[in-house]
């Protein structure tokens, strides 16, 4: 399963109108912790247990600042992972000490797995 790139043009369709819980990774190309987590996040998205059950998405904030401002409160640090269910934010994790294990646990919680 691929990670869907989110822009202001597809945010509503991909996140707000998604029939599945969604995880949205806000990252930047100059963010070391973001780049360290990225391959692990993509591996998580490829886990068969999530196929057809959870949508994994990402936002490059250097190119899509408006998306970071569309959520409330706005995303002010990277990495930040926001979890959506029924189009609404239900959880948020962030900071340079964030681990893929914490992200996976929150995915499971939000998706009811």
Protein backbone atom coordinates (compact mmCIF):
# COMPACT_ATOMS: atom_id res chain seq x y z
CA UNK A 1 0.00 0.00 0.00
CA UNK A 2 1.46 3.33 -1.00
CA UNK A 3 1.59 6.45 1.15
CA UNK A 4 -0.67 9.11 -0.40
CA UNK A 5 0.82 12.61 -0.78
CA UNK A 6 -1.63 15.21 0.55
CA UNK A 7 -1.98 18.72 -0.85
CA UNK A 8 -4.56 21.44 -0.25
CA UNK A 9 -6.30 20.25 -3.42
CA UNK A 10 -6.87 16.67 -2.25
CA UNK A 11 -7.09 17.09 1.56
CA UNK A 12 -10.89 17.03 1.69
CA UNK A 13 -11.25 14.00 -0.58
CA UNK A 14 -8.41 11.94 0.90
CA UNK A 15 -8.75 12.81 4.61
CA UNK A 16 -12.10 14.41 5.45
CA UNK A 17 -14.10 12.11 3.16
CA UNK A 18 -12.13 8.90 3.70
CA UNK A 19 -14.20 5.87 4.69
CA UNK A 20 -11.17 4.54 6.61
CA UNK A 21 -9.16 5.92 9.53
CA UNK A 22 -6.23 7.95 8.21
CA UNK A 23 -2.75 8.80 9.45
CA UNK A 24 -1.21 12.02 8.20
CA UNK A 25 2.57 12.49 8.53
CA UNK A 26 3.69 16.15 8.46
CA UNK A 27 7.39 16.18 7.54
CA UNK A 28 10.01 18.41 5.96
CA UNK A 29 13.09 17.67 3.84
CA UNK A 30 15.41 19.39 6.36
CA UNK A 31 13.97 17.58 9.40
CA UNK A 32 16.37 14.84 10.54
CA UNK A 33 13.87 13.00 12.77
CA UNK A 34 11.31 13.12 9.92
CA UNK A 35 13.74 11.58 7.46
CA UNK A 36 14.75 8.91 9.98
CA UNK A 37 11.10 7.90 10.54
CA UNK A 38 10.07 8.01 6.88
CA UNK A 39 11.28 4.53 5.77
CA UNK A 40 9.75 2.97 8.89
CA UNK A 41 6.47 4.80 8.25
CA UNK A 42 6.39 3.45 4.69
CA UNK A 43 7.06 -0.06 6.03
CA UNK A 44 4.18 0.37 8.46
CA UNK A 45 1.91 1.45 5.59
CA UNK A 46 2.88 -1.73 3.70
CA UNK A 47 1.89 -4.00 6.62
CA UNK A 48 -0.87 -6.32 5.32
CA UNK A 49 -2.84 -5.96 8.56
CA UNK A 50 -3.71 -2.38 7.54
CA UNK A 51 -4.65 -3.12 3.90
CA UNK A 52 -8.11 -1.76 3.23
CA UNK A 53 -8.45 -0.66 6.86
CA UNK A 54 -6.16 2.39 7.33
CA UNK A 55 -5.05 5.09 4.90
CA UNK A 56 -1.45 6.31 5.29
CA UNK A 57 -0.71 9.81 4.01
CA UNK A 58 2.04 12.43 4.19
CA UNK A 59 2.48 16.17 3.75
CA UNK A 60 5.77 17.76 2.75
CA UNK A 61 5.30 20.99 4.69
CA UNK A 62 8.00 22.77 2.67
CA UNK A 63 5.72 22.54 -0.38
CA UNK A 64 2.29 22.41 1.31
CA UNK A 65 2.27 24.87 4.19
CA UNK A 66 -1.45 25.51 3.74
CA UNK A 67 -2.27 21.93 4.69
CA UNK A 68 -0.35 22.36 7.96
CA UNK A 69 -2.49 25.44 8.62
CA UNK A 70 -5.79 23.71 7.70
CA UNK A 71 -5.78 21.52 10.82
CA UNK A 72 -6.54 22.98 14.23
CA UNK A 73 -4.37 23.69 15.99
CA UNK A 74 -2.00 24.23 13.05
CA UNK A 75 1.04 21.97 12.80
CA UNK A 76 3.99 23.89 14.22
CA UNK A 77 6.60 21.13 14.69
CA UNK A 78 7.96 18.25 12.71
CA UNK A 79 7.47 15.42 12.72
CA UNK A 80 3.79 15.50 13.58
CA UNK A 81 1.40 12.62 12.96
CA UNK A 82 -2.32 13.35 13.04
CA UNK A 83 -4.86 10.54 13.18
CA UNK A 84 -8.32 10.96 11.65
CA UNK A 85 -11.48 8.89 11.95
CA UNK A 86 -14.68 9.82 10.13
CA UNK A 87 -12.87 12.90 8.80
CA UNK A 88 -12.14 14.32 12.24
CA UNK A 89 -8.87 14.50 14.16
CA UNK A 90 -8.87 12.01 17.01
CA UNK A 91 -5.21 11.99 18.07
CA UNK A 92 -1.88 13.72 17.49
CA UNK A 93 1.72 12.69 18.13
CA UNK A 94 4.82 14.79 17.54
CA UNK A 95 8.32 15.76 18.46
CA UNK A 96 11.85 14.65 17.78
CA UNK A 97 11.64 11.72 20.24
CA UNK A 98 8.73 10.09 18.43
CA UNK A 99 9.15 6.39 17.63
CA UNK A 100 7.55 4.15 15.03
CA UNK A 101 6.36 1.91 17.88
CA UNK A 102 4.30 4.78 19.35
CA UNK A 103 2.92 5.59 15.90
CA UNK A 104 1.98 1.93 15.26
CA UNK A 105 0.29 1.65 18.66
CA UNK A 106 -1.77 4.77 17.95
CA UNK A 107 -2.71 3.47 14.47
CA UNK A 108 -3.98 0.26 16.06
CA UNK A 109 -5.91 2.20 18.70
CA UNK A 110 -7.54 4.57 16.22
CA UNK A 111 -8.38 1.74 13.79
CA UNK A 112 -9.68 -0.51 16.56
CA UNK A 113 -7.20 -3.29 15.77
